[in-house]
Amino acid sequence: HGCSGPVLRGSGVAWDLRRHGEPIYRSMYDDYRFEVVAPVNG
């Protein structure tokens, strides 16, 4: 259905454009430490 954000991550898909987006956006967070919040395997 093209869901994203917490709706997608709440279903267990660890996808966050701050880590997986295009370089011009991802590079904003290159030297930042944070976790992609998602219940992977519960």
PDB file of all heavy atoms in Angstrom:
ATOM      1  N   HIS A   1       0.813  -1.214   0.000  1.00  0.00           N
ATOM      2  CA  HIS A   1       0.000   0.000   0.000  1.00  0.00           C
ATOM      3  C   HIS A   1       0.853   1.273   0.000  1.00  0.00           C
ATOM      4  O   HIS A   1       0.290   2.376   0.043  1.00  0.00           O
ATOM      5  CB  HIS A   1      -0.938   0.010   1.218  1.00  0.00           C
ATOM      6  CG  HIS A   1      -2.123  -0.888   1.070  1.00  0.00           C
ATOM      7  ND1 HIS A   1      -2.059  -2.245   1.270  1.00  0.00           N
ATOM      8  CD2 HIS A   1      -3.420  -0.627   0.734  1.00  0.00           C
ATOM      9  CE1 HIS A   1      -3.250  -2.782   1.081  1.00  0.00           C
ATOM     10  NE2 HIS A   1      -4.091  -1.834   0.754  1.00  0.00           N
ATOM     11  N   GLY A   2       2.161   1.139  -0.025  1.00  0.00           N
ATOM     12  CA  GLY A   2       3.024   2.319  -0.046  1.00  0.00           C
ATOM     13  C   GLY A   2       3.122   3.028   1.281  1.00  0.00           C
ATOM     14  O   GLY A   2       3.417   4.226   1.322  1.00  0.00           O
ATOM     15  N   CYS A   3       2.872   2.324   2.370  1.00  0.00           N
ATOM     16  CA  CYS A   3       2.951   2.951   3.689  1.00  0.00           C
ATOM     17  C   CYS A   3       4.404   3.273   4.038  1.00  0.00           C
ATOM     18  O   CYS A   3       5.344   2.665   3.513  1.00  0.00           O
ATOM     19  CB  CYS A   3       2.363   2.029   4.756  1.00  0.00           C
ATOM     20  SG  CYS A   3       0.601   1.711   4.557  1.00  0.00           S
ATOM     21  N   SER A   4       4.575   4.233   4.918  1.00  0.00           N
ATOM     22  CA  SER A   4       5.922   4.635   5.315  1.00  0.00           C
ATOM     23  C   SER A   4       5.864   5.205   6.722  1.00  0.00           C
ATOM     24  O   SER A   4       4.801   5.320   7.331  1.00  0.00           O
ATOM     25  CB  SER A   4       6.495   5.672   4.336  1.00  0.00           C
ATOM     26  OG  SER A   4       5.655   6.815   4.273  1.00  0.00           O
ATOM     27  N   GLY A   5       7.030   5.567   7.244  1.00  0.00           N
ATOM     28  CA  GLY A   5       7.094   6.150   8.571  1.00  0.00           C
ATOM     29  C   GLY A   5       6.755   5.142   9.651  1.00  0.00           C
ATOM     30  O   GLY A   5       6.929   3.926   9.485  1.00  0.00           O
ATOM     31  N   PRO A   6       6.236   5.604  10.792  1.00  0.00           N
ATOM     32  CA  PRO A   6       5.892   4.690  11.887  1.00  0.00           C
ATOM     33  C   PRO A   6       4.857   3.635  11.515  1.00  0.00           C
ATOM     34  O   PRO A   6       4.838   2.555  12.117  1.00  0.00           O
ATOM     35  CB  PRO A   6       5.339   5.642  12.956  1.00  0.00           C
ATOM     36  CG  PRO A   6       5.988   6.953  12.680  1.00  0.00           C
ATOM     37  CD  PRO A   6       6.110   7.021  11.188  1.00  0.00           C
ATOM     38  N   VAL A   7       3.996   3.911  10.542  1.00  0.00           N
ATOM     39  CA  VAL A   7       3.026   2.902  10.110  1.00  0.00           C
ATOM     40  C   VAL A   7       3.751   1.710   9.488  1.00  0.00           C
ATOM     41  O   VAL A   7       3.417   0.544   9.766  1.00  0.00           O
ATOM     42  CB  VAL A   7       2.018   3.507   9.110  1.00  0.00           C
ATOM     43  CG1 VAL A   7       1.084   2.428   8.557  1.00  0.00           C
ATOM     44  CG2 VAL A   7       1.204   4.615   9.774  1.00  0.00           C
ATOM     45  N   LEU A   8       4.752   1.968   8.674  1.00  0.00           N
ATOM     46  CA  LEU A   8       5.544   0.886   8.066  1.00  0.00           C
ATOM     47  C   LEU A   8       6.441   0.225   9.094  1.00  0.00           C
ATOM     48  O   LEU A   8       6.510  -1.007   9.180  1.00  0.00           O
ATOM     49  CB  LEU A   8       6.377   1.455   6.916  1.00  0.00           C
ATOM     50  CG  LEU A   8       7.325   0.482   6.197  1.00  0.00           C
ATOM     51  CD1 LEU A   8       6.544  -0.601   5.475  1.00  0.00           C
ATOM     52  CD2 LEU A   8       8.231   1.227   5.229  1.00  0.00           C
ATOM     53  N   ARG A   9       7.123   1.023   9.888  1.00  0.00           N
ATOM     54  CA  ARG A   9       8.045   0.457  10.875  1.00  0.00           C
ATOM     55  C   ARG A   9       7.303  -0.290  11.968  1.00  0.00           C
ATOM     56  O   ARG A   9       7.827  -1.260  12.534  1.00  0.00           O
ATOM     57  CB  ARG A   9       8.915   1.573  11.465  1.00  0.00           C
ATOM     58  CG  ARG A   9       9.915   2.137  10.449  1.00  0.00           C
ATOM     59  CD  ARG A   9      10.919   3.069  11.098  1.00  0.00           C
ATOM     60  NE  ARG A   9      10.339   4.357  11.455  1.00  0.00           N
ATOM     61  CZ  ARG A   9      10.224   5.390  10.633  1.00  0.00           C
ATOM     62  NH1 ARG A   9      10.644   5.280   9.383  1.00  0.00           N
ATOM     63  NH2 ARG A   9       9.710   6.533  11.041  1.00  0.00           N
ATOM     64  N   GLY A  10       6.075   0.117  12.285  1.00  0.00           N
ATOM     65  CA  GLY A  10       5.290  -0.621  13.262  1.00  0.00           C
ATOM     66  C   GLY A  10       4.923  -2.017  12.803  1.00  0.00           C
ATOM     67  O   GLY A  10       4.583  -2.875  13.622  1.00  0.00           O
ATOM     68  N   SER A  11       5.007  -2.255  11.484  1.00  0.00           N
ATOM     69  CA  SER A  11       4.751  -3.590  10.936  1.00  0.00           C
ATOM     70  C   SER A  11       6.027  -4.412  10.831  1.00  0.00           C
ATOM     71  O   SER A  11       6.024  -5.497  10.229  1.00  0.00           O
ATOM     72  CB  SER A  11       4.098  -3.463   9.551  1.00  0.00           C
ATOM     73  OG  SER A  11       2.817  -2.886   9.657  1.00  0.00           O
ATOM     74  N   GLY A  12       7.125  -3.907  11.380  1.00  0.00           N
ATOM     75  CA  GLY A  12       8.367  -4.679  11.428  1.00  0.00           C
ATOM     76  C   GLY A  12       9.336  -4.420  10.301  1.00  0.00           C
ATOM     77  O   GLY A  12      10.322  -5.159  10.169  1.00  0.00           O
ATOM     78  N   VAL A  13       9.102  -3.392   9.489  1.00  0.00           N
ATOM     79  CA  VAL A  13      10.007  -3.071   8.384  1.00  0.00           C
ATOM     80  C   VAL A  13      10.914  -1.933   8.824  1.00  0.00           C
ATOM     81  O   VAL A  13      10.468  -0.792   8.989  1.00  0.00           O
ATOM     82  CB  VAL A  13       9.233  -2.670   7.111  1.00  0.00           C
ATOM     83  CG1 VAL A  13      10.199  -2.382   5.966  1.00  0.00           C
ATOM     84  CG2 VAL A  13       8.256  -3.770   6.730  1.00  0.00           C
ATOM     85  N   ALA A  14      12.195  -2.215   9.018  1.00  0.00           N
ATOM     86  CA  ALA A  14      13.150  -1.220   9.515  1.00  0.00           C
ATOM     87  C   ALA A  14      13.649  -0.353   8.356  1.00  0.00           C
ATOM     88  O   ALA A  14      14.787  -0.477   7.897  1.00  0.00           O
ATOM     89  CB  ALA A  14      14.310  -1.904  10.218  1.00  0.00           C
ATOM     90  N   TRP A  15      12.785   0.536   7.888  1.00  0.00           N
ATOM     91  CA  TRP A  15      13.104   1.396   6.742  1.00  0.00           C
ATOM     92  C   TRP A  15      12.929   2.852   7.158  1.00  0.00           C
ATOM     93  O   TRP A  15      11.846   3.267   7.565  1.00  0.00           O
ATOM     94  CB  TRP A  15      12.196   1.058   5.563  1.00  0.00           C
ATOM     95  CG  TRP A  15      12.412   1.925   4.351  1.00  0.00           C
ATOM     96  CD1 TRP A  15      11.714   3.042   4.002  1.00  0.00           C
ATOM     97  CD2 TRP A  15      13.401   1.741   3.334  1.00  0.00           C
ATOM     98  NE1 TRP A  15      12.198   3.577   2.833  1.00  0.00           N
ATOM     99  CE2 TRP A  15      13.246   2.791   2.395  1.00  0.00           C
ATOM    100  CE3 TRP A  15      14.405   0.798   3.127  1.00  0.00           C
ATOM    101  CZ2 TRP A  15      14.057   2.910   1.278  1.00  0.00           C
ATOM    102  CZ3 TRP A  15      15.203   0.925   2.009  1.00  0.00           C
ATOM    103  CH2 TRP A  15      15.022   1.963   1.095  1.00  0.00           C
ATOM    104  N   ASP A  16      14.021   3.609   7.062  1.00  0.00           N
ATOM    105  CA  ASP A  16      14.013   5.014   7.458  1.00  0.00           C
ATOM    106  C   ASP A  16      14.906   5.764   6.487  1.00  0.00           C
ATOM    107  O   ASP A  16      16.083   5.420   6.324  1.00  0.00           O
ATOM    108  CB  ASP A  16      14.527   5.160   8.894  1.00  0.00           C
ATOM    109  CG  ASP A  16      14.321   6.559   9.460  1.00  0.00           C
ATOM    110  OD1 ASP A  16      14.613   7.538   8.751  1.00  0.00           O
ATOM    111  OD2 ASP A  16      13.869   6.674  10.620  1.00  0.00           O
ATOM    112  N   LEU A  17      14.355   6.784   5.826  1.00  0.00           N
ATOM    113  CA  LEU A  17      15.123   7.504   4.807  1.00  0.00           C
ATOM    114  C   LEU A  17      16.307   8.257   5.386  1.00  0.00           C
ATOM    115  O   LEU A  17      17.224   8.621   4.645  1.00  0.00           O
ATOM    116  CB  LEU A  17      14.211   8.481   4.050  1.00  0.00           C
ATOM    117  CG  LEU A  17      13.144   7.855   3.166  1.00  0.00           C
ATOM    118  CD1 LEU A  17      12.393   8.931   2.380  1.00  0.00           C
ATOM    119  CD2 LEU A  17      13.748   6.839   2.198  1.00  0.00           C
ATOM    120  N   ARG A  18      16.317   8.482   6.680  1.00  0.00           N
ATOM    121  CA  ARG A  18      17.493   9.106   7.292  1.00  0.00           C
ATOM    122  C   ARG A  18      18.698   8.174   7.225  1.00  0.00           C
ATOM    123  O   ARG A  18      19.844   8.617   7.330  1.00  0.00           O
ATOM    124  CB  ARG A  18      17.194   9.500   8.740  1.00  0.00           C
ATOM    125  CG  ARG A  18      16.196  10.632   8.869  1.00  0.00           C
ATOM    126  CD  ARG A  18      15.829  10.888  10.326  1.00  0.00           C
ATOM    127  NE  ARG A  18      15.073   9.767  10.885  1.00  0.00           N
ATOM    128  CZ  ARG A  18      14.657   9.704  12.147  1.00  0.00           C
ATOM    129  NH1 ARG A  18      14.918  10.703  12.976  1.00  0.00           N
ATOM    130  NH2 ARG A  18      13.958   8.657  12.576  1.00  0.00           N
ATOM    131  N   ARG A  19      18.427   6.884   7.037  1.00  0.00           N
ATOM    132  CA  ARG A  19      19.490   5.893   6.846  1.00  0.00           C
ATOM    133  C   ARG A  19      19.512   5.323   5.429  1.00  0.00           C
ATOM    134  O   ARG A  19      20.570   4.935   4.928  1.00  0.00           O
ATOM    135  CB  ARG A  19      19.301   4.736   7.840  1.00  0.00           C
ATOM    136  CG  ARG A  19      19.786   5.040   9.240  1.00  0.00           C
ATOM    137  CD  ARG A  19      21.293   4.963   9.315  1.00  0.00           C
ATOM    138  NE  ARG A  19      21.785   5.239  10.662  1.00  0.00           N
ATOM    139  CZ  ARG A  19      22.306   6.395  11.039  1.00  0.00           C
ATOM    140  NH1 ARG A  19      22.377   7.401  10.188  1.00  0.00           N
ATOM    141  NH2 ARG A  19      22.758   6.565  12.265  1.00  0.00           N
ATOM    142  N   HIS A  20      18.362   5.278   4.762  1.00  0.00           N
ATOM    143  CA  HIS A  20      18.253   4.588   3.490  1.00  0.00           C
ATOM    144  C   HIS A  20      17.848   5.500   2.333  1.00  0.00           C
ATOM    145  O   HIS A  20      17.561   5.010   1.244  1.00  0.00           O
ATOM    146  CB  HIS A  20      17.241   3.438   3.598  1.00  0.00           C
ATOM    147  CG  HIS A  20      17.478   2.531   4.765  1.00  0.00           C
ATOM    148  ND1 HIS A  20      16.663   2.519   5.885  1.00  0.00           N
ATOM    149  CD2 HIS A  20      18.446   1.619   5.001  1.00  0.00           C
ATOM    150  CE1 HIS A  20      17.117   1.626   6.757  1.00  0.00           C
ATOM    151  NE2 HIS A  20      18.191   1.065   6.243  1.00  0.00           N
ATOM    152  N   GLY A  21      17.795   6.803   2.548  1.00  0.00           N
ATOM    153  CA  GLY A  21      17.344   7.720   1.513  1.00  0.00           C
ATOM    154  C   GLY A  21      18.434   8.115   0.538  1.00  0.00           C
ATOM    155  O   GLY A  21      19.538   7.554   0.519  1.00  0.00           O
ATOM    156  N   GLU A  22      18.123   9.100  -0.299  1.00  0.00           N
ATOM    157  CA  GLU A  22      19.095   9.596  -1.274  1.00  0.00           C
ATOM    158  C   GLU A  22      20.252  10.293  -0.572  1.00  0.00           C
ATOM    159  O   GLU A  22      20.089  10.828   0.541  1.00  0.00           O
ATOM    160  CB  GLU A  22      18.418  10.556  -2.249  1.00  0.00           C
ATOM    161  CG  GLU A  22      17.442   9.885  -3.185  1.00  0.00           C
ATOM    162  CD  GLU A  22      17.021  10.823  -4.307  1.00  0.00           C
ATOM    163  OE1 GLU A  22      17.888  11.529  -4.856  1.00  0.00           O
ATOM    164  OE2 GLU A  22      15.826  10.852  -4.631  1.00  0.00           O
ATOM    165  N   PRO A  23      21.420  10.344  -1.214  1.00  0.00           N
ATOM    166  CA  PRO A  23      22.608  10.917  -0.556  1.00  0.00           C
ATOM    167  C   PRO A  23      22.422  12.345  -0.049  1.00  0.00           C
ATOM    168  O   PRO A  23      22.901  12.675   1.032  1.00  0.00           O
ATOM    169  CB  PRO A  23      23.676  10.850  -1.653  1.00  0.00           C
ATOM    170  CG  PRO A  23      23.249   9.706  -2.513  1.00  0.00           C
ATOM    171  CD  PRO A  23      21.754   9.720  -2.511  1.00  0.00           C
ATOM    172  N   ILE A  24      21.713  13.199  -0.814  1.00  0.00           N
ATOM    173  CA  ILE A  24      21.577  14.593  -0.391  1.00  0.00           C
ATOM    174  C   ILE A  24      20.832  14.700   0.932  1.00  0.00           C
ATOM    175  O   ILE A  24      21.084  15.612   1.730  1.00  0.00           O
ATOM    176  CB  ILE A  24      20.881  15.433  -1.492  1.00  0.00           C
ATOM    177  CG1 ILE A  24      20.925  16.923  -1.126  1.00  0.00           C
ATOM    178  CG2 ILE A  24      19.444  14.968  -1.698  1.00  0.00           C
ATOM    179  CD1 ILE A  24      20.412  17.834  -2.226  1.00  0.00           C
ATOM    180  N   TYR A  25      19.927  13.767   1.198  1.00  0.00           N
ATOM    181  CA  TYR A  25      19.208  13.766   2.475  1.00  0.00           C
ATOM    182  C   TYR A  25      19.916  12.904   3.498  1.00  0.00           C
ATOM    183  O   TYR A  25      20.096  13.308   4.654  1.00  0.00           O
ATOM    184  CB  TYR A  25      17.777  13.276   2.259  1.00  0.00           C
ATOM    185  CG  TYR A  25      16.972  13.179   3.533  1.00  0.00           C
ATOM    186  CD1 TYR A  25      16.757  14.303   4.324  1.00  0.00           C
ATOM    187  CD2 TYR A  25      16.421  11.962   3.947  1.00  0.00           C
ATOM    188  CE1 TYR A  25      16.017  14.225   5.500  1.00  0.00           C
ATOM    189  CE2 TYR A  25      15.673  11.881   5.118  1.00  0.00           C
ATOM    190  CZ  TYR A  25      15.480  13.010   5.890  1.00  0.00           C
ATOM    191  OH  TYR A  25      14.748  12.934   7.052  1.00  0.00           O
ATOM    192  N   ARG A  26      20.348  11.729   3.098  1.00  0.00           N
ATOM    193  CA  ARG A  26      21.020  10.814   4.034  1.00  0.00           C
ATOM    194  C   ARG A  26      22.289  11.438   4.606  1.00  0.00           C
ATOM    195  O   ARG A  26      22.636  11.206   5.775  1.00  0.00           O
ATOM    196  CB  ARG A  26      21.343   9.509   3.310  1.00  0.00           C
ATOM    197  CG  ARG A  26      21.857   8.399   4.213  1.00  0.00           C
ATOM    198  CD  ARG A  26      22.109   7.133   3.430  1.00  0.00           C
ATOM    199  NE  ARG A  26      23.215   7.298   2.485  1.00  0.00           N
ATOM    200  CZ  ARG A  26      23.120   7.153   1.176  1.00  0.00           C
ATOM    201  NH1 ARG A  26      21.952   6.856   0.638  1.00  0.00           N
ATOM    202  NH2 ARG A  26      24.168   7.307   0.403  1.00  0.00           N
ATOM    203  N   SER A  27      22.978  12.242   3.805  1.00  0.00           N
ATOM    204  CA  SER A  27      24.226  12.848   4.263  1.00  0.00           C
ATOM    205  C   SER A  27      24.019  13.818   5.418  1.00  0.00           C
ATOM    206  O   SER A  27      24.958  14.119   6.156  1.00  0.00           O
ATOM    207  CB  SER A  27      24.918  13.567   3.103  1.00  0.00           C
ATOM    208  OG  SER A  27      24.114  14.630   2.623  1.00  0.00           O
ATOM    209  N   MET A  28      22.793  14.315   5.591  1.00  0.00           N
ATOM    210  CA  MET A  28      22.508  15.169   6.742  1.00  0.00           C
ATOM    211  C   MET A  28      22.764  14.428   8.043  1.00  0.00           C
ATOM    212  O   MET A  28      23.131  15.029   9.060  1.00  0.00           O
ATOM    213  CB  MET A  28      21.050  15.649   6.702  1.00  0.00           C
ATOM    214  CG  MET A  28      20.755  16.765   5.743  1.00  0.00           C
ATOM    215  SD  MET A  28      19.025  17.319   5.887  1.00  0.00           S
ATOM    216  CE  MET A  28      18.945  17.848   7.602  1.00  0.00           C
ATOM    217  N   TYR A  29      22.557  13.108   8.030  1.00  0.00           N
ATOM    218  CA  TYR A  29      22.647  12.304   9.250  1.00  0.00           C
ATOM    219  C   TYR A  29      23.848  11.357   9.229  1.00  0.00           C
ATOM    220  O   TYR A  29      23.917  10.462  10.083  1.00  0.00           O
ATOM    221  CB  TYR A  29      21.364  11.486   9.423  1.00  0.00           C
ATOM    222  CG  TYR A  29      20.131  12.324   9.684  1.00  0.00           C
ATOM    223  CD1 TYR A  29      19.360  12.818   8.631  1.00  0.00           C
ATOM    224  CD2 TYR A  29      19.724  12.624  10.974  1.00  0.00           C
ATOM    225  CE1 TYR A  29      18.225  13.574   8.862  1.00  0.00           C
ATOM    226  CE2 TYR A  29      18.588  13.381  11.225  1.00  0.00           C
ATOM    227  CZ  TYR A  29      17.840  13.856  10.161  1.00  0.00           C
ATOM    228  OH  TYR A  29      16.722  14.618  10.396  1.00  0.00           O
ATOM    229  N   ASP A  30      24.785  11.554   8.312  1.00  0.00           N
ATOM    230  CA  ASP A  30      25.888  10.610   8.167  1.00  0.00           C
ATOM    231  C   ASP A  30      26.687  10.438   9.454  1.00  0.00           C
ATOM    232  O   ASP A  30      27.074   9.323   9.802  1.00  0.00           O
ATOM    233  CB  ASP A  30      26.817  11.063   7.033  1.00  0.00           C
ATOM    234  CG  ASP A  30      26.369  10.517   5.682  1.00  0.00           C
ATOM    235  OD1 ASP A  30      25.489   9.638   5.676  1.00  0.00           O
ATOM    236  OD2 ASP A  30      26.894  10.974   4.644  1.00  0.00           O
ATOM    237  N   ASP A  31      26.951  11.525  10.158  1.00  0.00           N
ATOM    238  CA  ASP A  31      27.770  11.444  11.364  1.00  0.00           C
ATOM    239  C   ASP A  31      26.929  11.487  12.640  1.00  0.00           C
ATOM    240  O   ASP A  31      27.429  11.820  13.710  1.00  0.00           O
ATOM    241  CB  ASP A  31      28.804  12.574  11.375  1.00  0.00           C
ATOM    242  CG  ASP A  31      28.178  13.938  11.099  1.00  0.00           C
ATOM    243  OD1 ASP A  31      26.996  13.975  10.736  1.00  0.00           O
ATOM    244  OD2 ASP A  31      28.875  14.959  11.248  1.00  0.00           O
ATOM    245  N   TYR A  32      25.661  11.121  12.520  1.00  0.00           N
ATOM    246  CA  TYR A  32      24.774  11.062  13.684  1.00  0.00           C
ATOM    247  C   TYR A  32      24.496   9.605  14.060  1.00  0.00           C
ATOM    248  O   TYR A  32      24.377   8.747  13.196  1.00  0.00           O
ATOM    249  CB  TYR A  32      23.443  11.766  13.395  1.00  0.00           C
ATOM    250  CG  TYR A  32      23.529  13.278  13.416  1.00  0.00           C
ATOM    251  CD1 TYR A  32      23.956  13.982  12.291  1.00  0.00           C
ATOM    252  CD2 TYR A  32      23.170  13.998  14.544  1.00  0.00           C
ATOM    253  CE1 TYR A  32      24.043  15.370  12.304  1.00  0.00           C
ATOM    254  CE2 TYR A  32      23.233  15.382  14.569  1.00  0.00           C
ATOM    255  CZ  TYR A  32      23.669  16.061  13.450  1.00  0.00           C
ATOM    256  OH  TYR A  32      23.751  17.437  13.457  1.00  0.00           O
ATOM    257  N   ARG A  33      24.366   9.356  15.336  1.00  0.00           N
ATOM    258  CA  ARG A  33      24.075   8.011  15.843  1.00  0.00           C
ATOM    259  C   ARG A  33      22.617   7.944  16.288  1.00  0.00           C
ATOM    260  O   ARG A  33      22.180   8.722  17.143  1.00  0.00           O
ATOM    261  CB  ARG A  33      24.987   7.666  17.022  1.00  0.00           C
ATOM    262  CG  ARG A  33      26.468   7.724  16.725  1.00  0.00           C
ATOM    263  CD  ARG A  33      27.295   7.281  17.936  1.00  0.00           C
ATOM    264  NE  ARG A  33      26.874   7.977  19.149  1.00  0.00           N
ATOM    265  CZ  ARG A  33      27.286   9.192  19.487  1.00  0.00           C
ATOM    266  NH1 ARG A  33      28.129   9.859  18.699  1.00  0.00           N
ATOM    267  NH2 ARG A  33      26.869   9.750  20.616  1.00  0.00           N
ATOM    268  N   PHE A  34      21.883   6.999  15.726  1.00  0.00           N
ATOM    269  CA  PHE A  34      20.507   6.746  16.155  1.00  0.00           C
ATOM    270  C   PHE A  34      20.064   5.399  15.618  1.00  0.00           C
ATOM    271  O   PHE A  34      20.653   4.862  14.678  1.00  0.00           O
ATOM    272  CB  PHE A  34      19.554   7.857  15.675  1.00  0.00           C
ATOM    273  CG  PHE A  34      19.318   7.889  14.185  1.00  0.00           C
ATOM    274  CD1 PHE A  34      18.197   7.288  13.631  1.00  0.00           C
ATOM    275  CD2 PHE A  34      20.217   8.518  13.336  1.00  0.00           C
ATOM    276  CE1 PHE A  34      17.982   7.308  12.266  1.00  0.00           C
ATOM    277  CE2 PHE A  34      20.008   8.548  11.971  1.00  0.00           C
ATOM    278  CZ  PHE A  34      18.887   7.949  11.434  1.00  0.00           C
ATOM    279  N   GLU A  35      19.037   4.849  16.229  1.00  0.00           N
ATOM    280  CA  GLU A  35      18.498   3.560  15.834  1.00  0.00           C
ATOM    281  C   GLU A  35      17.241   3.753  14.995  1.00  0.00           C
ATOM    282  O   GLU A  35      16.451   4.668  15.241  1.00  0.00           O
ATOM    283  CB  GLU A  35      18.134   2.728  17.068  1.00  0.00           C
ATOM    284  CG  GLU A  35      19.307   2.360  17.961  1.00  0.00           C
ATOM    285  CD  GLU A  35      20.129   1.223  17.406  1.00  0.00           C
ATOM    286  OE1 GLU A  35      19.693   0.630  16.394  1.00  0.00           O
ATOM    287  OE2 GLU A  35      21.190   0.919  17.977  1.00  0.00           O
ATOM    288  N   VAL A  36      17.054   2.890  14.000  1.00  0.00           N
ATOM    289  CA  VAL A  36      15.798   2.827  13.261  1.00  0.00           C
ATOM    290  C   VAL A  36      14.848   1.973  14.084  1.00  0.00           C
ATOM    291  O   VAL A  36      15.073   0.771  14.254  1.00  0.00           O
ATOM    292  CB  VAL A  36      15.990   2.244  11.852  1.00  0.00           C
ATOM    293  CG1 VAL A  36      14.653   2.128  11.130  1.00  0.00           C
ATOM    294  CG2 VAL A  36      16.950   3.118  11.040  1.00  0.00           C
ATOM    295  N   VAL A  37      13.802   2.578  14.611  1.00  0.00           N
ATOM    296  CA  VAL A  37      12.914   1.898  15.555  1.00  0.00           C
ATOM    297  C   VAL A  37      11.902   1.054  14.797  1.00  0.00           C
ATOM    298  O   VAL A  37      11.057   1.575  14.059  1.00  0.00           O
ATOM    299  CB  VAL A  37      12.184   2.921  16.447  1.00  0.00           C
ATOM    300  CG1 VAL A  37      11.256   2.191  17.416  1.00  0.00           C
ATOM    301  CG2 VAL A  37      13.185   3.770  17.203  1.00  0.00           C
ATOM    302  N   ALA A  38      11.986  -0.262  14.959  1.00  0.00           N
ATOM    303  CA  ALA A  38      11.034  -1.189  14.342  1.00  0.00           C
ATOM    304  C   ALA A  38      11.111  -2.519  15.075  1.00  0.00           C
ATOM    305  O   ALA A  38      12.207  -2.964  15.443  1.00  0.00           O
ATOM    306  CB  ALA A  38      11.336  -1.389  12.858  1.00  0.00           C
ATOM    307  N   PRO A  39       9.969  -3.181  15.293  1.00  0.00           N
ATOM    308  CA  PRO A  39       9.969  -4.479  15.981  1.00  0.00           C
ATOM    309  C   PRO A  39      10.357  -5.612  15.034  1.00  0.00           C
ATOM    310  O   PRO A  39       9.501  -6.389  14.584  1.00  0.00           O
ATOM    311  CB  PRO A  39       8.520  -4.612  16.463  1.00  0.00           C
ATOM    312  CG  PRO A  39       7.719  -3.854  15.454  1.00  0.00           C
ATOM    313  CD  PRO A  39       8.594  -2.712  15.005  1.00  0.00           C
ATOM    314  N   VAL A  40      11.621  -5.726  14.717  1.00  0.00           N
ATOM    315  CA  VAL A  40      12.096  -6.781  13.828  1.00  0.00           C
ATOM    316  C   VAL A  40      12.065  -8.106  14.592  1.00  0.00           C
ATOM    317  O   VAL A  40      12.654  -8.226  15.666  1.00  0.00           O
ATOM    318  CB  VAL A  40      13.519  -6.470  13.322  1.00  0.00           C
ATOM    319  CG1 VAL A  40      14.008  -7.591  12.405  1.00  0.00           C
ATOM    320  CG2 VAL A  40      13.544  -5.135  12.592  1.00  0.00           C
ATOM    321  N   ASN A  41      11.352  -9.083  14.018  1.00  0.00           N
ATOM    322  CA  ASN A  41      11.140 -10.378  14.675  1.00  0.00           C
ATOM    323  C   ASN A  41      10.496 -10.210  16.054  1.00  0.00           C
ATOM    324  O   ASN A  41      10.742 -10.991  16.978  1.00  0.00           O
ATOM    325  CB  ASN A  41      12.458 -11.149  14.799  1.00  0.00           C
ATOM    326  CG  ASN A  41      13.048 -11.498  13.458  1.00  0.00           C
ATOM    327  OD1 ASN A  41      12.332 -11.821  12.518  1.00  0.00           O
ATOM    328  ND2 ASN A  41      14.374 -11.433  13.356  1.00  0.00           N
ATOM    329  N   GLY A  42       9.683  -9.169  16.169  1.00  0.00           N
ATOM    330  CA  GLY A  42       8.966  -8.934  17.415  1.00  0.00           C
ATOM    331  C   GLY A  42       9.753  -8.219  18.478  1.00  0.00           C
ATOM    332  O   GLY A  42       9.231  -7.950  19.564  1.00  0.00           O
TER     333      GLY A  42
END
